[in-house]
Amino acid sequence: MIFDSIFDYTGEVKIESKTSIDDTVRRLQRVIDREYDIFSGDPNHNLFTSYLNGNVSNDSVLLYRVRPFMGNYLYQPIFGGKFSHSSHAVFLVGKFSMRKITKFVFAISSIFFALLEIFVIYAAFRSDASQAITIVSILFFPAIFLILIAAHLFLKWLFRSDVKWITDAVTASLQ
């Protein structure tokens, strides 16, 4: 679906753990609950070090990368998933997507631009302006909307490295 490809960073992701669900949850929780003391002297845990955060339970998993001094940016890839198991392994199954607020803002702005375009087209055909002005006024909002989509896709591309970072962190904690 086009809507999913606009907001999702990946399709379905499946990460394997050879331990029980309870042990897998504990391992992920240990990574999330790790204390980061900036005064510890440990170069791997300083004020500028990214870390994994989120919520992990037997029913669901929500993980994201925290980058100090960047805040919770709208284009932050967030892994949402759940555990499934077979006879010999537990799988963390989910996908990387954007925040719900990002999807909401994008949907509202799309509706807003569509309504504005309808009003502009109506006004352009009702006015006595030249054809050039009519064409420019009709094409103005679609051009702005295309620029916004390009900016959206660029920001999505810019933060794609978080997907690999989170996947690597989760995989390392489950080994």
Protein backbone atom coordinates (compact mmCIF):
# COMPACT_ATOMS: atom_id res chain seq x y z
CA MET A 1 0.00 0.00 0.00
CA ILE A 2 1.30 3.47 -0.85
CA PHE A 3 0.45 4.86 2.58
CA ASP A 4 2.64 2.21 4.23
CA SER A 5 5.56 2.85 1.89
CA ILE A 6 5.44 6.55 2.71
CA PHE A 7 5.64 6.01 6.47
CA ASP A 8 7.28 2.63 6.99
CA TYR A 9 11.03 2.20 6.94
CA THR A 10 10.88 -1.56 6.38
CA GLY A 11 8.52 -4.37 5.69
CA GLU A 12 8.22 -7.13 8.23
CA VAL A 13 11.39 -7.70 10.27
CA LYS A 14 12.01 -11.02 12.02
CA ILE A 15 14.75 -11.35 14.66
CA GLU A 16 15.45 -14.77 16.15
CA SER A 17 16.24 -15.61 19.76
CA LYS A 18 17.06 -19.16 20.82
CA THR A 19 15.86 -18.58 24.37
CA SER A 20 12.38 -18.52 25.92
CA ILE A 21 10.07 -15.54 25.62
CA ASP A 22 10.61 -14.61 29.27
CA ASP A 23 14.39 -14.71 28.88
CA THR A 24 14.18 -12.72 25.62
CA VAL A 25 12.04 -10.07 27.34
CA ARG A 26 14.53 -9.89 30.23
CA ARG A 27 17.47 -9.47 27.85
CA LEU A 28 15.79 -6.66 25.93
CA GLN A 29 14.65 -5.02 29.16
CA ARG A 30 18.25 -5.07 30.44
CA VAL A 31 19.39 -3.15 27.37
CA ILE A 32 16.59 -0.60 27.74
CA ASP A 33 17.01 -0.15 31.50
CA ARG A 34 20.76 0.38 31.30
CA GLU A 35 21.87 3.42 33.25
CA TYR A 36 23.94 5.96 31.38
CA ASP A 37 26.09 7.85 33.84
CA ILE A 38 27.83 10.67 32.00
CA PHE A 39 30.37 11.03 34.81
CA SER A 40 31.38 7.34 34.91
CA GLY A 41 34.44 7.86 32.72
CA ASP A 42 33.30 5.09 30.39
CA PRO A 43 33.80 6.41 26.82
CA ASN A 44 30.93 4.22 25.59
CA HIS A 45 28.42 5.86 27.92
CA ASN A 46 28.83 9.59 27.77
CA LEU A 47 26.57 12.55 27.19
CA PHE A 48 26.66 12.12 23.40
CA THR A 49 26.10 8.34 23.17
CA SER A 50 22.92 7.01 21.58
CA TYR A 51 21.01 4.35 23.47
CA LEU A 52 18.00 2.07 23.00
CA ASN A 53 14.74 2.95 24.71
CA GLY A 54 11.15 1.76 24.63
CA ASN A 55 8.79 -0.75 26.20
CA VAL A 56 9.11 -4.51 26.21
CA SER A 57 6.55 -6.98 27.52
CA ASN A 58 5.50 -10.52 26.66
CA ASP A 59 2.71 -9.07 24.49
CA SER A 60 4.36 -6.23 22.62
CA VAL A 61 7.63 -4.47 21.88
CA LEU A 62 8.20 -0.80 21.10
CA LEU A 63 11.83 0.27 20.58
CA TYR A 64 13.53 3.42 19.36
CA ARG A 65 16.96 5.01 19.36
CA VAL A 66 17.54 8.00 21.60
CA ARG A 67 20.04 10.48 20.25
CA PRO A 68 21.02 12.97 22.94
CA PHE A 69 20.38 16.62 22.04
CA MET A 70 18.06 15.65 19.16
CA GLY A 71 14.89 15.03 21.14
CA ASN A 72 12.09 12.84 19.87
CA TYR A 73 12.23 13.88 16.27
CA LEU A 74 9.21 13.21 14.06
CA TYR A 75 11.09 11.02 11.61
CA GLN A 76 12.49 8.73 14.26
CA PRO A 77 12.17 5.08 13.18
CA ILE A 78 10.23 3.17 15.80
CA PHE A 79 10.14 -0.61 15.92
CA GLY A 80 6.77 -2.00 16.88
CA GLY A 81 6.29 -5.71 17.12
CA LYS A 82 5.42 -8.77 19.13
CA PHE A 83 6.86 -12.14 19.97
CA SER A 84 6.00 -15.32 18.15
CA HIS A 85 7.49 -18.70 18.89
CA SER A 86 8.06 -22.09 17.35
CA SER A 87 9.24 -25.28 18.97
CA HIS A 88 12.91 -24.28 19.00
CA ALA A 89 13.08 -20.48 18.86
CA VAL A 90 11.38 -17.20 19.70
CA PHE A 91 10.99 -14.56 17.02
CA LEU A 92 10.56 -10.85 17.45
CA VAL A 93 8.37 -9.86 14.51
CA GLY A 94 7.46 -6.29 13.60
CA LYS A 95 8.28 -3.33 11.42
CA PHE A 96 9.94 0.05 11.58
CA SER A 97 7.61 2.97 11.08
CA MET A 98 7.24 6.65 11.95
CA ARG A 99 5.43 8.13 14.90
CA LYS A 100 1.64 8.32 14.74
CA ILE A 101 1.79 12.10 15.10
CA THR A 102 3.88 12.28 11.91
CA LYS A 103 1.28 10.25 10.04
CA PHE A 104 -1.51 12.42 11.46
CA VAL A 105 0.17 15.72 10.55
CA PHE A 106 0.92 14.46 7.04
CA ALA A 107 -2.69 13.31 6.54
CA ILE A 108 -4.14 16.59 7.84
CA SER A 109 -1.79 18.68 5.68
CA SER A 110 -2.69 16.56 2.63
CA ILE A 111 -6.40 17.18 3.22
CA PHE A 112 -5.71 20.88 3.79
CA PHE A 113 -3.75 21.18 0.53
CA ALA A 114 -6.45 19.28 -1.38
CA LEU A 115 -9.15 21.62 -0.07
CA LEU A 116 -7.06 24.68 -0.87
CA GLU A 117 -6.49 23.37 -4.38
CA ILE A 118 -10.23 22.89 -4.89
CA PHE A 119 -10.89 26.48 -3.79
CA VAL A 120 -8.09 27.80 -6.01
CA ILE A 121 -9.38 25.92 -9.05
CA TYR A 122 -12.89 27.20 -8.42
CA ALA A 123 -11.67 30.77 -7.98
CA ALA A 124 -9.39 30.55 -11.04
CA PHE A 125 -12.21 29.50 -13.34
CA ARG A 126 -14.57 32.12 -11.94
CA SER A 127 -12.07 35.00 -12.31
CA ASP A 128 -11.37 37.16 -15.32
CA ALA A 129 -7.59 36.76 -14.97
CA SER A 130 -5.39 35.75 -17.88
CA GLN A 131 -4.79 32.10 -18.70
CA ALA A 132 -1.19 32.28 -17.44
CA ILE A 133 -2.30 33.44 -14.00
CA THR A 134 -5.01 30.78 -13.93
CA ILE A 135 -2.52 28.01 -14.77
CA VAL A 136 0.03 29.25 -12.23
CA SER A 137 -2.59 29.48 -9.50
CA ILE A 138 -3.87 25.98 -10.28
CA LEU A 139 -0.37 24.45 -10.24
CA PHE A 140 0.92 26.33 -7.17
CA PHE A 141 -0.43 24.00 -4.44
CA PRO A 142 0.43 20.73 -6.23
CA ALA A 143 3.99 22.05 -6.66
CA ILE A 144 4.20 22.95 -2.95
CA PHE A 145 2.77 19.52 -2.05
CA LEU A 146 5.39 17.78 -4.21
CA ILE A 147 8.11 19.77 -2.44
CA LEU A 148 6.70 18.67 0.94
CA ILE A 149 6.67 15.03 -0.19
CA ALA A 150 10.28 15.37 -1.37
CA ALA A 151 11.27 16.86 2.00
CA HIS A 152 9.41 14.04 3.79
CA LEU A 153 11.21 11.36 1.76
CA PHE A 154 14.56 13.08 2.29
CA LEU A 155 14.10 13.14 6.07
CA LYS A 156 13.03 9.50 6.00
CA TRP A 157 16.19 8.69 4.04
CA LEU A 158 18.30 10.75 6.44
CA PHE A 159 17.27 8.70 9.50
CA ARG A 160 17.35 5.25 7.85
CA SER A 161 20.57 4.39 9.74
CA ASP A 162 18.54 4.15 12.97
CA VAL A 163 16.88 1.00 11.58
CA LYS A 164 20.22 -0.80 11.31
CA TRP A 165 21.37 0.56 14.67
CA ILE A 166 18.25 -0.71 16.47
CA THR A 167 18.34 -4.06 14.66
CA ASP A 168 22.01 -4.53 15.56
CA ALA A 169 21.38 -3.57 19.21
CA VAL A 170 18.48 -6.00 19.51
CA THR A 171 20.33 -8.80 17.73
CA ALA A 172 23.39 -8.31 19.95
CA SER A 173 21.27 -8.41 23.11
CA LEU A 174 19.58 -11.66 22.08
CA GLN A 175 22.78 -13.58 21.26
